[in-house]
Amino acid sequence: MGDIVRVVELTSYQQQGRLLPAMREAVQTLRRTDTTVAQKHLCDVALSRVGSRLYIHFYFEP
């Protein structure tokens, strides 16, 4: 069985120095709103970009 993956679009990172706080906010929001990953161990994180949109990929233990 593979990792549990969630992808979130980062929308509040536009200002200088806001990328890391936006990533933290995204994982906190995900843990509050997604009961599947609320108590899972976060194994890895990746970033991707499509045009001007930035996405963060969270990989949780199965």
N, C-alpha and C. Protein backbone atom coordinates (compact mmCIF):
# COMPACT_ATOMS: atom_id res chain seq x y z
N MET A 1 0.85 -1.18 0.00
CA MET A 1 0.00 0.00 0.00
C MET A 1 0.89 1.24 0.00
N GLY A 2 0.58 2.25 -0.81
CA GLY A 2 1.42 3.44 -0.94
C GLY A 2 1.07 4.53 0.05
N ASP A 3 1.86 5.57 -0.02
CA ASP A 3 1.64 6.73 0.83
C ASP A 3 0.30 7.39 0.52
N ILE A 4 -0.22 8.11 1.49
CA ILE A 4 -1.41 8.94 1.30
C ILE A 4 -0.90 10.29 0.80
N VAL A 5 -1.42 10.75 -0.33
CA VAL A 5 -0.95 12.00 -0.94
C VAL A 5 -2.07 13.02 -0.96
N ARG A 6 -1.75 14.24 -0.56
CA ARG A 6 -2.67 15.36 -0.65
C ARG A 6 -1.94 16.49 -1.36
N VAL A 7 -2.64 17.17 -2.27
CA VAL A 7 -2.06 18.29 -3.01
C VAL A 7 -2.87 19.54 -2.69
N VAL A 8 -2.17 20.61 -2.31
CA VAL A 8 -2.81 21.86 -1.93
C VAL A 8 -2.19 22.99 -2.72
N GLU A 9 -3.03 23.87 -3.27
CA GLU A 9 -2.51 25.05 -3.96
C GLU A 9 -2.13 26.09 -2.91
N LEU A 10 -0.92 26.62 -3.03
CA LEU A 10 -0.48 27.68 -2.13
C LEU A 10 -0.92 29.02 -2.71
N THR A 11 -1.66 29.77 -1.92
CA THR A 11 -2.18 31.04 -2.43
C THR A 11 -1.63 32.25 -1.69
N SER A 12 -1.03 32.05 -0.53
CA SER A 12 -0.60 33.21 0.27
C SER A 12 0.92 33.32 0.33
N TYR A 13 1.62 32.90 -0.72
CA TYR A 13 3.08 32.91 -0.69
C TYR A 13 3.68 34.05 -1.51
N GLN A 14 2.85 34.87 -2.14
CA GLN A 14 3.31 35.85 -3.12
C GLN A 14 4.33 36.85 -2.59
N GLN A 15 4.24 37.22 -1.33
CA GLN A 15 5.16 38.21 -0.78
C GLN A 15 6.49 37.55 -0.43
N GLN A 16 7.55 38.33 -0.45
CA GLN A 16 8.87 37.81 -0.11
C GLN A 16 8.87 37.26 1.31
N GLY A 17 9.45 36.09 1.48
CA GLY A 17 9.54 35.48 2.80
C GLY A 17 8.29 34.78 3.26
N ARG A 18 7.31 34.57 2.38
CA ARG A 18 6.03 33.98 2.77
C ARG A 18 5.89 32.51 2.37
N LEU A 19 6.87 31.93 1.67
CA LEU A 19 6.71 30.56 1.21
C LEU A 19 6.65 29.57 2.37
N LEU A 20 7.60 29.61 3.28
CA LEU A 20 7.60 28.67 4.40
C LEU A 20 6.37 28.85 5.30
N PRO A 21 5.98 30.07 5.67
CA PRO A 21 4.74 30.22 6.45
C PRO A 21 3.51 29.70 5.71
N ALA A 22 3.46 29.88 4.39
CA ALA A 22 2.33 29.37 3.61
C ALA A 22 2.30 27.84 3.63
N MET A 23 3.48 27.22 3.57
CA MET A 23 3.56 25.76 3.64
C MET A 23 3.10 25.25 5.00
N ARG A 24 3.54 25.91 6.06
CA ARG A 24 3.12 25.53 7.42
C ARG A 24 1.61 25.67 7.58
N GLU A 25 1.08 26.77 7.09
CA GLU A 25 -0.37 27.01 7.16
C GLU A 25 -1.13 25.93 6.41
N ALA A 26 -0.63 25.53 5.25
CA ALA A 26 -1.29 24.50 4.45
C ALA A 26 -1.35 23.17 5.18
N VAL A 27 -0.25 22.75 5.80
CA VAL A 27 -0.26 21.47 6.51
C VAL A 27 -1.13 21.54 7.76
N GLN A 28 -1.14 22.66 8.46
CA GLN A 28 -2.01 22.80 9.64
C GLN A 28 -3.48 22.75 9.24
N THR A 29 -3.83 23.44 8.16
CA THR A 29 -5.21 23.42 7.68
C THR A 29 -5.61 22.01 7.25
N LEU A 30 -4.72 21.34 6.54
CA LEU A 30 -4.99 19.98 6.09
C LEU A 30 -5.22 19.05 7.28
N ARG A 31 -4.40 19.16 8.28
CA ARG A 31 -4.55 18.30 9.47
C ARG A 31 -5.86 18.57 10.22
N ARG A 32 -6.32 19.82 10.19
CA ARG A 32 -7.59 20.16 10.86
C ARG A 32 -8.80 19.70 10.06
N THR A 33 -8.70 19.69 8.74
CA THR A 33 -9.88 19.45 7.91
C THR A 33 -9.95 18.06 7.29
N ASP A 34 -8.86 17.32 7.27
CA ASP A 34 -8.84 15.99 6.64
C ASP A 34 -8.56 14.95 7.71
N THR A 35 -9.60 14.26 8.16
CA THR A 35 -9.45 13.30 9.24
C THR A 35 -8.58 12.10 8.85
N THR A 36 -8.44 11.83 7.56
CA THR A 36 -7.60 10.72 7.11
C THR A 36 -6.14 10.95 7.47
N VAL A 37 -5.68 12.19 7.41
CA VAL A 37 -4.26 12.47 7.66
C VAL A 37 -4.01 13.17 9.00
N ALA A 38 -5.05 13.41 9.76
CA ALA A 38 -4.91 14.19 11.00
C ALA A 38 -3.87 13.62 11.94
N GLN A 39 -3.80 12.31 12.08
CA GLN A 39 -2.85 11.67 13.00
C GLN A 39 -1.75 10.90 12.29
N LYS A 40 -1.61 11.08 11.00
CA LYS A 40 -0.58 10.37 10.24
C LYS A 40 0.75 11.12 10.27
N HIS A 41 1.83 10.37 10.10
CA HIS A 41 3.17 10.95 10.05
C HIS A 41 3.42 11.52 8.66
N LEU A 42 3.84 12.77 8.59
CA LEU A 42 4.19 13.41 7.32
C LEU A 42 5.57 12.92 6.91
N CYS A 43 5.63 12.19 5.79
CA CYS A 43 6.89 11.56 5.36
C CYS A 43 7.71 12.43 4.43
N ASP A 44 7.04 13.17 3.55
CA ASP A 44 7.76 13.93 2.54
C ASP A 44 6.89 15.07 2.03
N VAL A 45 7.54 16.06 1.44
CA VAL A 45 6.86 17.22 0.87
C VAL A 45 7.52 17.53 -0.46
N ALA A 46 6.72 17.92 -1.44
CA ALA A 46 7.26 18.33 -2.74
C ALA A 46 6.51 19.57 -3.21
N LEU A 47 7.16 20.36 -4.04
CA LEU A 47 6.54 21.53 -4.64
C LEU A 47 6.46 21.35 -6.14
N SER A 48 5.40 21.86 -6.74
CA SER A 48 5.29 21.88 -8.19
C SER A 48 4.66 23.19 -8.61
N ARG A 49 4.92 23.56 -9.85
CA ARG A 49 4.39 24.82 -10.37
C ARG A 49 3.73 24.54 -11.71
N VAL A 50 2.56 25.14 -11.89
CA VAL A 50 1.86 25.11 -13.18
C VAL A 50 1.56 26.56 -13.50
N GLY A 51 2.30 27.12 -14.45
CA GLY A 51 2.17 28.54 -14.75
C GLY A 51 2.56 29.35 -13.53
N SER A 52 1.66 30.21 -13.07
CA SER A 52 1.94 31.03 -11.89
C SER A 52 1.42 30.39 -10.60
N ARG A 53 0.81 29.21 -10.71
CA ARG A 53 0.27 28.53 -9.53
C ARG A 53 1.31 27.59 -8.92
N LEU A 54 1.38 27.60 -7.60
CA LEU A 54 2.33 26.77 -6.87
C LEU A 54 1.54 25.78 -6.01
N TYR A 55 1.94 24.51 -6.09
CA TYR A 55 1.26 23.45 -5.35
C TYR A 55 2.24 22.76 -4.43
N ILE A 56 1.74 22.35 -3.27
CA ILE A 56 2.54 21.57 -2.34
C ILE A 56 1.91 20.18 -2.25
N HIS A 57 2.76 19.17 -2.34
CA HIS A 57 2.33 17.78 -2.28
C HIS A 57 2.79 17.22 -0.94
N PHE A 58 1.84 16.73 -0.16
CA PHE A 58 2.14 16.13 1.14
C PHE A 58 2.04 14.62 1.02
N TYR A 59 3.04 13.92 1.50
CA TYR A 59 3.06 12.46 1.48
C TYR A 59 3.03 11.98 2.93
N PHE A 60 1.94 11.32 3.30
CA PHE A 60 1.75 10.81 4.66
C PHE A 60 1.92 9.30 4.66
N GLU A 61 2.31 8.76 5.82
CA GLU A 61 2.42 7.31 5.96
C GLU A 61 1.05 6.68 5.70
N PRO A 62 1.04 5.47 5.17
CA PRO A 62 -0.25 4.80 4.92
C PRO A 62 -0.97 4.44 6.21
